Amino acid sequence: MKTILRILSILFLSPLGALSGAEESKQAPQPDASYDLVIYGDSSGAVTAAISAKREGRSVILVNPTSFPGGISVSGLGATDFLGRQATFGGIAGEFYAGVSAAYGQSFVSSFEPHVGLQVFQKMIADAGVTVVYNAMLDRRSGVKMNGKRIEAITTLSGTTYRGKMFIDATYVGDLMAAAGVSYTVGREPEKQYDEDMAGVRRGDTNPRVHYTQRDKDHFIKDVDPYIVPGDPKSGLLPHIYKIDDLTNGKGDKKIQAYTYRVCLTTDPNLRIPIAKPEGYREIDHELLLRNFDAGDTRFPALIAPLAGTGSKVDWNNMHAVGSDFPGTNWDYPEATYEKRSEIEKAHENYIRGFLWTMANSPRVPEEVRAKAATYGLAKDEFTNNGGWPWMLYIREARRMVGDYVMTQHDCDGTRIAPDPVALGSFGMDSHVVQHFVTERGFCISDGVIWRTPPKPYGISYRSIIPKKGECENLFSTICLGASHVAHGSIRMEPVLMAISQSAAIAAGMAIDHKTSVQDVAYSALREKLEAAKQIVRPGLYKATKAPKKTPKAINP
């Protein structure tokens, strides 16, 4: 590990000044400056879009509402999901993973330490000469100035204005898209809207179709009492369990899958920061976890992916009935104020810290599970300015644009093929739990868990990343793109979002050169430019490859 760190210190010379939390950027923009492309984003896609535009000779500014580049890819999501299909993406996304792999002296790694991913992004930004402004949050009330159907400028809460010919919303929540008046939705569509048999409410105790062959994965497998006083409905429900009169499969709602923090944990005593009982801890907040153990479900409630480098660090993800997901507490997040979002983020942190402490200390946790959990702690060499805790909440789903082409289950299944692909998707249509609720039998089960793997990689339509014709003419939405809840569950993987965003930047340049709207960019010419940039956009050209043997595999204890 020390050798790797020495190599990184030589290779990645760009300082982490952005993480001071106060400075904006050493390359400060001029007041009211105008750019070819203004990118507003906190994601890995925001970085790839900015690099792409800069390489094309465009004037570009990356306005980042957070204090670091790279989004969740460098904030705990070290285990990248793409089912071994790394050949489905190329371009700048491929360069990022090549840079990470080179840092470890391997041909390909998909699971890496957060600080390594951060340093790779920093070097790529520095090499491209991209100007980044950090801690610059959009004024969501009056910070988007429209001129007809075009955005003329955006203004941040600090009062700084950024003018541009083209704009990309590369945020995980779609704030710029929403403020520009573009059509979007939040929540789960009903089955009938797009004729999707995985849409809407999905009860864990019904529908034994083929895509529920793993139905116990994130579901209750034992009868667990949901009431404060067991067996007494009059005593009320435990926290974050719901009583719903009509919970019919396929019914739509405004609810979204659970968020979490993807914590980087270690078993190395020299690196480990012990998980302390959080301030304000209440056992009742974790009573559902404990009752699930009491009922006899002794599965270790985590999906643990080893990270390259040390041999001791892992990416800790939710798994099974009650884990590190915090369902039901994030439904307001997409539309919430910045202040309310901060409250939701803090609630998630407190819950997950409490969950980890309970796992390692409660006598009601099975001894084998408790002993294993106690070996983990936060890594003192990750997120060093935040006590080892990740900077960013894992926002799996928020707003989703509604354009002229909405990606649906049929695109993922291959029963519909987009004629204008700008990237490939391949991961399973995946939703974590949306809510825990009480069944007619009086026990707790989960709603919202779905999983089905596409038979082969599929194309993501250009029209799914632009507003519908007649709406904003110079905006792309690359993270909160036009997709149903079901399809978004597959598309939302980090390499895919990087590829989509690079394609958007290239299309933005074409729109500038031809003095046209994003809706009128000629796709045939765009595809030529995308493939020249080593983007993989045609499913027919994808060649399956086996995952390298050195790629870490997930551990499910």
Protein backbone atom coordinates (compact mmCIF):
# COMPACT_ATOMS: atom_id res chain seq x y z
CA MET A 1 0.00 0.00 0.00
CA LYS A 2 2.86 2.40 0.83
CA THR A 3 4.30 1.78 -2.63
CA ILE A 4 0.96 2.65 -4.22
CA LEU A 5 0.73 5.85 -2.23
CA ARG A 6 4.24 6.88 -3.29
CA ILE A 7 3.33 6.27 -6.92
CA LEU A 8 0.17 8.30 -6.53
CA SER A 9 2.01 11.17 -4.89
CA ILE A 10 4.24 11.37 -7.96
CA LEU A 11 1.54 10.85 -10.59
CA PHE A 12 -1.22 12.97 -9.18
CA LEU A 13 0.25 16.38 -8.41
CA SER A 14 -3.01 18.34 -8.43
CA PRO A 15 -3.65 19.56 -4.86
CA LEU A 16 -6.94 18.88 -3.14
CA GLY A 17 -7.59 22.54 -2.43
CA ALA A 18 -11.26 22.12 -3.26
CA LEU A 19 -11.80 20.09 -0.12
CA SER A 20 -11.07 23.04 2.12
CA GLY A 21 -14.79 23.77 1.87
CA ALA A 22 -14.20 27.50 1.54
CA GLU A 23 -12.19 28.21 -1.60
CA GLU A 24 -13.79 28.07 -4.99
CA SER A 25 -11.08 27.36 -7.50
CA LYS A 26 -7.48 28.38 -8.10
CA GLN A 27 -8.57 29.14 -11.66
CA ALA A 28 -11.27 31.61 -10.66
CA PRO A 29 -13.70 32.57 -13.43
CA GLN A 30 -14.20 36.15 -14.46
CA PRO A 31 -17.45 37.77 -13.23
CA ASP A 32 -20.25 37.36 -15.77
CA ALA A 33 -17.94 35.47 -18.11
CA SER A 34 -19.55 33.66 -21.04
CA TYR A 35 -18.74 30.10 -22.08
CA ASP A 36 -19.54 27.73 -24.88
CA LEU A 37 -20.63 25.19 -22.29
CA VAL A 38 -21.66 25.61 -18.66
CA ILE A 39 -21.84 22.34 -16.76
CA TYR A 40 -23.65 22.32 -13.45
CA GLY A 41 -22.95 19.09 -11.67
CA ASP A 42 -21.67 17.11 -8.71
CA SER A 43 -21.27 13.78 -10.51
CA SER A 44 -18.60 11.78 -12.30
CA GLY A 45 -20.51 12.63 -15.47
CA ALA A 46 -19.96 16.34 -14.86
CA VAL A 47 -16.21 15.70 -14.94
CA THR A 48 -16.24 13.65 -18.15
CA ALA A 49 -18.44 16.21 -19.89
CA ALA A 50 -16.12 19.06 -18.94
CA ILE A 51 -12.99 17.19 -20.04
CA SER A 52 -14.61 16.25 -23.34
CA ALA A 53 -15.62 19.82 -24.11
CA LYS A 54 -12.19 21.17 -23.19
CA ARG A 55 -10.46 18.66 -25.43
CA GLU A 56 -12.61 19.87 -28.31
CA GLY A 57 -11.33 23.38 -27.76
CA ARG A 58 -14.53 24.69 -26.21
CA SER A 59 -14.61 27.26 -23.47
CA VAL A 60 -16.14 25.41 -20.54
CA ILE A 61 -16.77 25.94 -16.85
CA LEU A 62 -17.69 23.21 -14.39
CA VAL A 63 -19.86 24.66 -11.62
CA ASN A 64 -19.84 22.09 -8.83
CA PRO A 65 -22.20 22.42 -5.84
CA THR A 66 -19.95 20.15 -3.75
CA SER A 67 -16.36 20.49 -2.55
CA PHE A 68 -14.85 17.63 -4.60
CA PRO A 69 -14.94 16.21 -8.15
CA GLY A 70 -16.27 12.82 -9.17
CA GLY A 71 -19.49 12.41 -7.22
CA ILE A 72 -20.35 9.09 -5.61
CA SER A 73 -17.55 7.38 -7.57
CA VAL A 74 -15.09 8.96 -5.13
CA SER A 75 -17.42 9.13 -2.14
CA GLY A 76 -17.71 5.51 -1.17
CA LEU A 77 -19.02 3.71 -4.25
CA GLY A 78 -15.72 1.96 -4.82
CA ALA A 79 -17.31 -1.22 -6.18
CA THR A 80 -18.49 -0.31 -9.67
CA ASP A 81 -21.50 -2.17 -11.00
CA PHE A 82 -21.52 -3.33 -14.60
CA LEU A 83 -21.74 -7.13 -14.37
CA GLY A 84 -18.29 -7.60 -15.87
CA ARG A 85 -19.32 -5.84 -19.09
CA GLN A 86 -16.55 -3.24 -19.04
CA ALA A 87 -16.41 -3.39 -22.83
CA THR A 88 -19.75 -1.55 -22.95
CA PHE A 89 -18.08 1.79 -22.32
CA GLY A 90 -14.99 3.52 -23.67
CA GLY A 91 -14.08 7.16 -24.05
CA ILE A 92 -13.22 9.17 -20.95
CA ALA A 93 -15.01 6.70 -18.67
CA GLY A 94 -12.62 4.05 -19.94
CA GLU A 95 -9.70 6.40 -19.28
CA PHE A 96 -10.81 6.85 -15.69
CA TYR A 97 -10.89 3.13 -15.00
CA ALA A 98 -7.59 2.71 -16.83
CA GLY A 99 -6.08 5.37 -14.57
CA VAL A 100 -7.38 3.66 -11.46
CA SER A 101 -6.08 0.30 -12.67
CA ALA A 102 -2.65 1.77 -13.47
CA ALA A 103 -2.42 3.10 -9.92
CA TYR A 104 -2.67 -0.48 -8.69
CA GLY A 105 -0.43 -1.93 -11.40
CA GLN A 106 -3.25 -4.06 -12.80
CA SER A 107 -4.84 -4.35 -16.21
CA PHE A 108 -8.33 -3.68 -14.88
CA VAL A 109 -9.90 -3.09 -11.49
CA SER A 110 -13.51 -2.20 -10.85
CA SER A 111 -13.31 -1.84 -7.06
CA PHE A 112 -10.97 0.85 -5.79
CA GLU A 113 -10.27 3.03 -2.77
CA PRO A 114 -12.09 6.37 -2.77
CA HIS A 115 -8.93 8.47 -2.50
CA VAL A 116 -7.43 6.74 -5.54
CA GLY A 117 -10.49 7.51 -7.65
CA LEU A 118 -10.38 11.10 -6.45
CA GLN A 119 -6.75 11.53 -7.42
CA VAL A 120 -7.34 10.04 -10.85
CA PHE A 121 -10.17 12.51 -11.50
CA GLN A 122 -8.00 15.37 -10.23
CA LYS A 123 -5.21 14.48 -12.61
CA MET A 124 -7.60 14.17 -15.56
CA ILE A 125 -9.10 17.58 -14.76
CA ALA A 126 -5.66 19.16 -14.44
CA ASP A 127 -4.33 17.56 -17.62
CA ALA A 128 -7.33 18.84 -19.59
CA GLY A 129 -7.05 22.33 -18.08
CA VAL A 130 -10.68 22.37 -16.94
CA THR A 131 -11.75 25.24 -14.71
CA VAL A 132 -13.84 24.03 -11.78
CA VAL A 133 -15.73 26.16 -9.30
CA TYR A 134 -16.47 24.30 -6.07
CA ASN A 135 -19.12 24.89 -3.41
CA ALA A 136 -21.22 26.76 -5.97
CA MET A 137 -24.89 25.95 -5.41
CA LEU A 138 -27.54 27.04 -7.90
CA ASP A 139 -30.03 29.66 -6.80
CA ARG A 140 -33.01 27.42 -7.46
CA ARG A 141 -35.61 30.18 -7.07
CA SER A 142 -34.31 32.85 -9.43
CA GLY A 143 -30.90 31.65 -10.61
CA VAL A 144 -31.88 30.48 -14.09
CA LYS A 145 -32.33 33.29 -16.62
CA MET A 146 -34.27 32.25 -19.69
CA ASN A 147 -34.38 34.00 -23.06
CA GLY A 148 -37.35 32.44 -24.75
CA LYS A 149 -36.72 28.71 -24.81
CA ARG A 150 -33.02 29.01 -24.06
CA ILE A 151 -31.08 29.34 -20.84
CA GLU A 152 -29.02 32.50 -21.00
CA ALA A 153 -27.27 32.26 -17.65
CA ILE A 154 -27.29 30.61 -14.24
CA THR A 155 -26.52 32.27 -10.92
CA THR A 156 -25.33 30.60 -7.75
CA LEU A 157 -26.28 31.44 -4.17
CA SER A 158 -23.06 33.47 -3.90
CA GLY A 159 -24.39 35.77 -6.64
CA THR A 160 -21.91 34.68 -9.32
CA THR A 161 -23.41 34.40 -12.80
CA TYR A 162 -22.28 32.02 -15.54
CA ARG A 163 -23.44 32.71 -19.09
CA GLY A 164 -23.33 30.06 -21.77
CA LYS A 165 -24.42 28.90 -25.19
CA MET A 166 -25.16 25.39 -23.94
CA PHE A 167 -25.81 23.91 -20.49
CA ILE A 168 -25.57 20.44 -19.01
CA ASP A 169 -27.32 19.43 -15.81
CA ALA A 170 -25.07 16.66 -14.49
CA THR A 171 -26.40 16.65 -10.93
CA TYR A 172 -27.85 13.62 -9.18
CA VAL A 173 -31.05 15.57 -8.40
CA GLY A 174 -31.78 17.56 -11.57
CA ASP A 175 -31.94 21.01 -9.99
CA LEU A 176 -31.00 22.94 -13.13
CA MET A 177 -33.39 20.94 -15.29
CA ALA A 178 -36.24 21.63 -12.88
CA ALA A 179 -35.44 25.32 -12.53
CA ALA A 180 -35.42 25.66 -16.33
CA GLY A 181 -39.03 24.47 -16.47
CA VAL A 182 -38.35 21.16 -18.17
CA SER A 183 -40.90 18.37 -17.74
CA TYR A 184 -39.92 15.74 -15.19
CA THR A 185 -41.33 13.23 -12.76
CA VAL A 186 -40.50 11.77 -9.34
CA GLY A 187 -41.50 8.33 -8.13
CA ARG A 188 -42.79 5.13 -9.69
CA GLU A 189 -44.98 4.98 -12.76
CA PRO A 190 -47.93 2.57 -12.71
CA GLU A 191 -47.60 -0.59 -14.77
CA LYS A 192 -50.03 0.63 -17.41
CA GLN A 193 -48.16 3.87 -18.19
CA TYR A 194 -45.38 2.18 -20.16
CA ASP A 195 -46.67 -1.39 -20.05
CA GLU A 196 -43.89 -2.47 -17.65
CA ASP A 197 -44.50 -5.53 -15.51
CA MET A 198 -41.93 -4.39 -12.94
CA ALA A 199 -43.34 -0.88 -12.53
CA GLY A 200 -45.02 0.67 -9.52
CA VAL A 201 -45.49 -1.05 -6.19
CA ARG A 202 -43.76 -4.45 -5.97
CA ARG A 203 -44.72 -6.39 -2.87
CA GLY A 204 -42.19 -8.88 -1.65
CA ASP A 205 -44.84 -11.47 -0.80
CA THR A 206 -46.45 -11.74 -4.24
CA ASN A 207 -45.74 -12.41 -7.92
CA PRO A 208 -43.44 -15.44 -8.20
CA ARG A 209 -42.39 -14.50 -11.75
CA VAL A 210 -38.92 -15.32 -13.04
CA HIS A 211 -37.46 -11.98 -11.97
CA TYR A 212 -38.28 -12.84 -8.36
CA THR A 213 -36.14 -15.97 -8.31
CA GLN A 214 -33.91 -14.09 -5.87
CA ARG A 215 -36.92 -12.77 -4.00
CA ASP A 216 -35.36 -13.40 -0.57
CA LYS A 217 -32.29 -11.24 -1.36
CA ASP A 218 -33.62 -7.97 0.08
CA HIS A 219 -36.81 -9.29 1.66
CA PHE A 220 -37.94 -10.61 4.99
CA ILE A 221 -37.75 -14.40 5.17
CA LYS A 222 -39.19 -14.61 8.69
CA ASP A 223 -42.34 -13.22 10.28
CA VAL A 224 -41.32 -10.00 12.06
CA ASP A 225 -43.71 -8.12 14.33
CA PRO A 226 -43.93 -4.42 13.36
CA TYR A 227 -45.60 -3.02 16.49
CA ILE A 228 -43.94 -1.14 19.35
CA VAL A 229 -45.51 -3.62 21.75
CA PRO A 230 -45.30 -6.94 19.91
CA GLY A 231 -48.74 -8.21 18.97
CA ASP A 232 -50.49 -4.96 19.92
CA PRO A 233 -51.50 -2.81 16.91
CA LYS A 234 -52.81 -0.14 19.30
CA SER A 235 -49.27 0.51 20.53
CA GLY A 236 -48.30 1.94 17.15
CA LEU A 237 -45.75 0.97 14.54
CA LEU A 238 -41.99 0.90 14.93
CA PRO A 239 -40.15 3.81 13.26
CA HIS A 240 -40.18 3.87 9.45
CA ILE A 241 -42.79 1.17 9.00
CA TYR A 242 -46.01 2.09 7.23
CA LYS A 243 -49.59 0.94 7.35
CA ILE A 244 -51.04 1.26 3.85
CA ASP A 245 -54.60 0.36 3.02
CA ASP A 246 -54.09 -0.15 -0.71
CA LEU A 247 -50.74 -1.59 -1.70
CA THR A 248 -51.57 -3.31 -4.97
CA ASN A 249 -48.78 -4.46 -7.28
CA GLY A 250 -48.35 -2.12 -10.22
CA LYS A 251 -49.83 0.93 -8.54
CA GLY A 252 -47.85 4.14 -9.13
CA ASP A 253 -46.78 6.61 -6.45
CA LYS A 254 -44.31 9.41 -5.73
CA LYS A 255 -41.95 7.26 -3.69
CA ILE A 256 -38.35 6.41 -4.59
CA GLN A 257 -35.90 3.68 -3.70
CA ALA A 258 -33.82 4.02 -0.54
CA TYR A 259 -30.65 6.05 -0.21
CA THR A 260 -27.61 5.18 1.87
CA TYR A 261 -24.00 6.13 2.48
CA ARG A 262 -21.58 3.71 0.83
CA VAL A 263 -19.14 3.62 3.73
CA CYS A 264 -15.54 2.54 3.16
CA LEU A 265 -14.66 0.28 6.08
CA THR A 266 -11.46 -1.49 7.06
CA THR A 267 -10.40 -4.36 9.30
CA ASP A 268 -6.80 -3.09 9.57
CA PRO A 269 -6.18 -2.14 13.23
CA ASN A 270 -3.69 0.52 12.10
CA LEU A 271 -6.26 2.20 9.86
CA ARG A 272 -9.51 1.48 11.67
CA ILE A 273 -11.55 4.22 13.34
CA PRO A 274 -13.94 2.39 15.68
CA ILE A 275 -17.65 3.01 15.09
CA ALA A 276 -18.88 4.88 18.16
CA LYS A 277 -22.46 5.01 19.38
CA PRO A 278 -23.84 8.14 17.69
CA GLU A 279 -25.17 11.03 19.73
CA GLY A 280 -28.90 10.67 20.31
CA TYR A 281 -28.83 6.93 19.64
CA ARG A 282 -32.15 5.14 20.27
CA GLU A 283 -32.39 1.39 20.19
CA ILE A 284 -35.95 1.61 18.91
CA ASP A 285 -34.62 3.06 15.64
CA HIS A 286 -32.93 -0.31 15.11
CA GLU A 287 -35.59 -2.50 16.68
CA LEU A 288 -36.65 -3.81 13.27
CA LEU A 289 -33.10 -5.07 12.66
CA LEU A 290 -33.00 -6.71 16.08
CA ARG A 291 -36.43 -8.30 15.74
CA ASN A 292 -35.43 -9.72 12.40
CA PHE A 293 -32.50 -11.41 14.12
CA ASP A 294 -34.78 -12.47 16.99
CA ALA A 295 -37.09 -14.10 14.41
CA GLY A 296 -34.25 -16.27 13.17
CA ASP A 297 -32.89 -14.44 10.11
CA THR A 298 -29.16 -14.74 10.87
CA ARG A 299 -27.91 -13.62 7.45
CA PHE A 300 -25.18 -10.99 7.60
CA PRO A 301 -27.08 -7.89 6.38
CA ALA A 302 -24.50 -6.42 4.02
CA LEU A 303 -23.04 -6.88 0.56
CA ILE A 304 -19.32 -6.41 1.11
CA ALA A 305 -17.00 -5.77 -1.84
CA PRO A 306 -13.23 -5.85 -1.24
CA LEU A 307 -11.36 -2.85 -2.60
CA ALA A 308 -8.06 -3.08 -4.43
CA GLY A 309 -4.92 -1.99 -2.65
CA THR A 310 -4.81 -2.88 1.01
CA GLY A 311 -6.63 -6.16 1.28
CA SER A 312 -8.48 -4.81 4.30
CA LYS A 313 -10.83 -2.15 2.92
CA VAL A 314 -14.35 -2.81 1.70
CA ASP A 315 -17.28 -1.01 0.15
CA TRP A 316 -20.21 -1.79 2.47
CA ASN A 317 -23.58 -1.97 0.72
CA ASN A 318 -27.07 -2.88 1.87
CA MET A 319 -28.36 -6.43 1.59
CA HIS A 320 -31.19 -8.57 2.96
CA ALA A 321 -34.23 -7.52 4.98
CA VAL A 322 -32.85 -4.71 7.16
CA GLY A 323 -29.47 -3.17 6.38
CA SER A 324 -27.75 0.14 5.78
CA ASP A 325 -30.50 1.44 3.45
CA PHE A 326 -32.84 3.90 5.17
CA PRO A 327 -36.14 3.43 3.30
CA GLY A 328 -38.99 5.90 3.49
CA THR A 329 -36.91 8.81 4.75
CA ASN A 330 -35.76 10.14 1.37
CA TRP A 331 -39.01 10.61 -0.53
CA ASP A 332 -38.92 14.40 -0.13
CA TYR A 333 -35.24 14.75 -1.00
CA PRO A 334 -35.48 15.49 -4.76
CA GLU A 335 -37.72 18.55 -4.29
CA ALA A 336 -36.49 19.58 -0.84
CA THR A 337 -34.70 22.83 -0.01
CA TYR A 338 -30.96 22.71 0.54
CA GLU A 339 -31.58 22.98 4.29
CA LYS A 340 -34.04 20.09 4.28
CA ARG A 341 -31.68 17.98 2.19
CA SER A 342 -28.95 18.54 4.77
CA GLU A 343 -31.32 17.32 7.47
CA ILE A 344 -32.11 14.18 5.47
CA GLU A 345 -28.41 13.55 4.88
CA LYS A 346 -27.65 13.90 8.59
CA ALA A 347 -30.52 11.55 9.47
CA HIS A 348 -29.05 8.94 7.11
CA GLU A 349 -25.62 9.33 8.66
CA ASN A 350 -27.00 8.95 12.18
CA TYR A 351 -29.03 5.91 11.19
CA ILE A 352 -26.14 4.13 9.48
CA ARG A 353 -23.71 4.90 12.30
CA GLY A 354 -26.32 3.54 14.70
CA PHE A 355 -26.86 0.49 12.52
CA LEU A 356 -23.12 -0.29 12.43
CA TRP A 357 -22.77 0.23 16.18
CA THR A 358 -25.80 -1.98 16.89
CA MET A 359 -24.44 -4.72 14.66
CA ALA A 360 -21.15 -4.74 16.56
CA ASN A 361 -22.45 -4.28 20.12
CA SER A 362 -26.04 -5.37 20.74
CA PRO A 363 -26.34 -8.70 22.59
CA ARG A 364 -29.45 -9.37 20.50
CA VAL A 365 -27.31 -9.65 17.36
CA PRO A 366 -26.17 -13.26 16.78
CA GLU A 367 -22.70 -13.75 18.20
CA GLU A 368 -21.10 -14.69 14.88
CA VAL A 369 -22.61 -11.68 13.13
CA ARG A 370 -21.67 -9.36 16.01
CA ALA A 371 -18.08 -10.57 16.07
CA LYS A 372 -17.64 -10.05 12.35
CA ALA A 373 -19.23 -6.58 12.41
CA ALA A 374 -16.96 -5.55 15.28
CA THR A 375 -13.87 -6.07 13.12
CA TYR A 376 -14.85 -3.17 10.83
CA GLY A 377 -14.31 0.54 11.29
CA LEU A 378 -13.99 3.66 9.19
CA ALA A 379 -10.68 4.10 7.34
CA LYS A 380 -8.60 6.95 8.72
CA ASP A 381 -6.89 7.52 5.35
CA GLU A 382 -10.20 8.07 3.51
CA PHE A 383 -12.27 11.28 3.71
CA THR A 384 -9.60 12.62 6.02
CA ASN A 385 -11.31 16.00 6.44
CA ASN A 386 -14.56 14.31 7.44
CA GLY A 387 -13.45 11.75 10.02
CA GLY A 388 -13.49 8.90 7.55
CA TRP A 389 -17.17 9.43 6.68
CA PRO A 390 -18.12 9.74 2.96
CA TRP A 391 -18.80 13.24 1.70
CA MET A 392 -21.85 12.37 -0.37
CA LEU A 393 -25.11 10.55 0.20
CA TYR A 394 -25.75 7.83 -2.38
CA ILE A 395 -28.68 9.33 -4.30
CA ARG A 396 -29.85 6.33 -6.26
CA GLU A 397 -32.83 8.10 -7.82
CA ALA A 398 -34.36 11.58 -7.78
CA ARG A 399 -36.05 13.57 -10.53
CA ARG A 400 -36.26 12.02 -13.99
CA MET A 401 -36.83 14.09 -17.12
CA VAL A 402 -39.82 13.36 -19.34
CA GLY A 403 -38.78 13.97 -22.93
CA ASP A 404 -39.83 12.79 -26.36
CA TYR A 405 -38.14 9.43 -25.73
CA VAL A 406 -38.40 7.90 -22.28
CA MET A 407 -36.24 4.84 -21.72
CA THR A 408 -38.34 2.00 -20.33
CA GLN A 409 -38.17 -1.65 -19.38
CA HIS A 410 -38.72 -2.50 -23.06
CA ASP A 411 -35.44 -0.82 -24.04
CA CYS A 412 -33.59 -2.76 -21.34
CA ASP A 413 -35.27 -6.03 -22.31
CA GLY A 414 -34.43 -5.47 -25.98
CA THR A 415 -38.04 -5.51 -27.14
CA ARG A 416 -37.62 -1.88 -28.22
CA ILE A 417 -34.42 -0.50 -29.73
CA ALA A 418 -33.54 3.19 -29.68
CA PRO A 419 -32.42 4.30 -33.15
CA ASP A 420 -30.18 7.07 -31.78
CA PRO A 421 -28.01 5.61 -28.99
CA VAL A 422 -25.36 7.72 -27.27
CA ALA A 423 -24.19 5.12 -24.72
CA LEU A 424 -24.89 1.54 -23.70
CA GLY A 425 -26.58 0.21 -20.58
CA SER A 426 -26.20 -3.34 -19.36
CA PHE A 427 -26.73 -3.59 -15.60
CA GLY A 428 -29.83 -5.19 -14.13
CA MET A 429 -33.05 -3.24 -13.68
CA ASP A 430 -32.43 -2.75 -10.00
CA SER A 431 -34.37 -0.99 -7.28
CA HIS A 432 -33.60 -1.19 -3.60
CA VAL A 433 -36.40 -1.26 -1.08
CA VAL A 434 -38.82 1.68 -1.22
CA GLN A 435 -40.64 1.09 2.06
CA HIS A 436 -41.31 -1.40 4.85
CA PHE A 437 -45.01 -1.93 5.49
CA VAL A 438 -47.45 -4.08 7.45
CA THR A 439 -49.19 -6.88 5.60
CA GLU A 440 -52.72 -8.08 6.05
CA ARG A 441 -51.27 -10.82 8.27
CA GLY A 442 -49.79 -8.23 10.61
CA PHE A 443 -46.10 -8.72 9.78
CA CYS A 444 -43.46 -6.51 8.18
CA ILE A 445 -42.36 -6.95 4.58
CA SER A 446 -40.66 -4.85 1.92
CA ASP A 447 -41.97 -3.09 -1.15
CA GLY A 448 -40.09 -1.93 -4.20
CA VAL A 449 -37.26 -4.42 -4.64
CA ILE A 450 -36.84 -5.36 -8.30
CA TRP A 451 -34.09 -7.09 -10.26
CA ARG A 452 -33.88 -8.37 -13.81
CA THR A 453 -30.79 -8.55 -15.98
CA PRO A 454 -31.05 -7.31 -19.59
CA PRO A 455 -30.32 -10.15 -22.03
CA LYS A 456 -27.63 -8.03 -23.70
CA PRO A 457 -26.37 -4.42 -23.70
CA TYR A 458 -28.85 -1.89 -25.06
CA GLY A 459 -28.66 1.61 -26.50
CA ILE A 460 -29.63 4.75 -24.55
CA SER A 461 -31.45 7.22 -26.78
CA TYR A 462 -30.10 10.70 -27.51
CA ARG A 463 -33.63 12.00 -27.09
CA SER A 464 -33.69 10.71 -23.51
CA ILE A 465 -31.02 13.24 -22.47
CA ILE A 466 -32.65 16.32 -24.02
CA PRO A 467 -35.95 18.07 -23.24
CA LYS A 468 -38.93 17.39 -25.45
CA LYS A 469 -39.29 19.51 -28.56
CA GLY A 470 -40.87 22.82 -27.63
CA GLU A 471 -39.14 23.02 -24.26
CA CYS A 472 -35.62 24.23 -23.42
CA GLU A 473 -33.42 24.24 -26.54
CA ASN A 474 -29.92 24.37 -25.05
CA LEU A 475 -29.98 21.98 -22.10
CA PHE A 476 -28.96 18.37 -21.54
CA SER A 477 -29.89 16.33 -18.48
CA THR A 478 -27.49 13.41 -18.30
CA ILE A 479 -27.94 11.95 -14.81
CA CYS A 480 -31.64 12.66 -14.31
CA LEU A 481 -32.35 11.62 -17.88
CA GLY A 482 -35.65 10.55 -19.40
CA ALA A 483 -36.22 7.07 -18.03
CA SER A 484 -38.93 5.25 -16.18
CA HIS A 485 -38.26 4.15 -12.61
CA VAL A 486 -37.61 0.62 -13.88
CA ALA A 487 -35.20 1.59 -16.67
CA HIS A 488 -33.42 4.16 -14.54
CA GLY A 489 -32.53 1.37 -12.14
CA SER A 490 -30.35 -0.12 -14.87
CA ILE A 491 -29.00 3.07 -16.44
CA ARG A 492 -27.90 4.75 -13.19
CA MET A 493 -24.49 3.03 -13.05
CA GLU A 494 -21.50 5.38 -12.83
CA PRO A 495 -19.64 4.30 -16.01
CA VAL A 496 -22.86 4.72 -17.99
CA LEU A 497 -23.48 8.19 -16.56
CA MET A 498 -19.92 9.18 -17.48
CA ALA A 499 -20.41 7.96 -21.05
CA ILE A 500 -23.79 9.68 -21.43
CA SER A 501 -22.34 12.96 -20.19
CA GLN A 502 -19.39 12.85 -22.57
CA SER A 503 -21.82 12.27 -25.43
CA ALA A 504 -23.87 15.26 -24.30
CA ALA A 505 -20.80 17.50 -24.35
CA ILE A 506 -19.97 16.42 -27.90
CA ALA A 507 -23.57 17.02 -29.01
CA ALA A 508 -23.50 20.44 -27.34
CA GLY A 509 -20.50 21.37 -29.44
CA MET A 510 -22.30 20.32 -32.60
CA ALA A 511 -25.32 22.41 -31.66
CA ILE A 512 -23.05 25.42 -31.21
CA ASP A 513 -21.23 24.88 -34.50
CA HIS A 514 -24.47 24.48 -36.45
CA LYS A 515 -26.30 27.20 -34.53
CA THR A 516 -29.17 24.87 -33.78
CA SER A 517 -31.11 23.52 -30.84
CA VAL A 518 -30.23 20.31 -29.02
CA GLN A 519 -33.40 18.81 -30.48
CA ASP A 520 -32.18 19.45 -34.05
CA VAL A 521 -28.69 17.95 -33.81
CA ALA A 522 -28.25 15.48 -36.68
CA TYR A 523 -27.81 12.07 -35.10
CA SER A 524 -25.88 10.46 -37.96
CA ALA A 525 -23.18 13.11 -37.71
CA LEU A 526 -23.24 12.90 -33.91
CA ARG A 527 -22.65 9.16 -33.96
CA GLU A 528 -19.58 9.62 -36.12
CA LYS A 529 -18.13 12.09 -33.64
CA LEU A 530 -18.97 9.87 -30.67
CA GLU A 531 -17.26 6.87 -32.18
CA ALA A 532 -14.26 9.00 -33.14
CA ALA A 533 -14.05 9.84 -29.42
CA LYS A 534 -13.97 6.07 -28.68
CA GLN A 535 -17.47 6.04 -27.30
CA ILE A 536 -19.27 2.70 -27.63
CA VAL A 537 -22.81 3.46 -28.72
CA ARG A 538 -23.95 0.62 -30.97
CA PRO A 539 -24.95 -2.59 -29.17
CA GLY A 540 -24.06 -4.62 -32.24
CA LEU A 541 -20.40 -3.56 -31.95
CA TYR A 542 -20.14 -4.62 -28.30
CA LYS A 543 -17.89 -7.60 -27.78
CA ALA A 544 -18.33 -9.53 -24.56
CA THR A 545 -15.26 -9.98 -22.43
CA LYS A 546 -14.67 -11.97 -19.30
CA ALA A 547 -13.97 -10.05 -16.12
CA PRO A 548 -10.25 -10.23 -15.23
CA LYS A 549 -9.40 -12.72 -12.51
CA LYS A 550 -7.97 -9.95 -10.33
CA THR A 551 -11.25 -8.06 -10.22
CA PRO A 552 -12.50 -8.32 -6.61
CA LYS A 553 -15.71 -10.21 -6.13
CA ALA A 554 -18.51 -9.23 -3.78
CA ILE A 555 -18.66 -11.12 -0.50
CA ASN A 556 -21.99 -12.12 0.94
CA PRO A 557 -21.17 -13.60 4.36
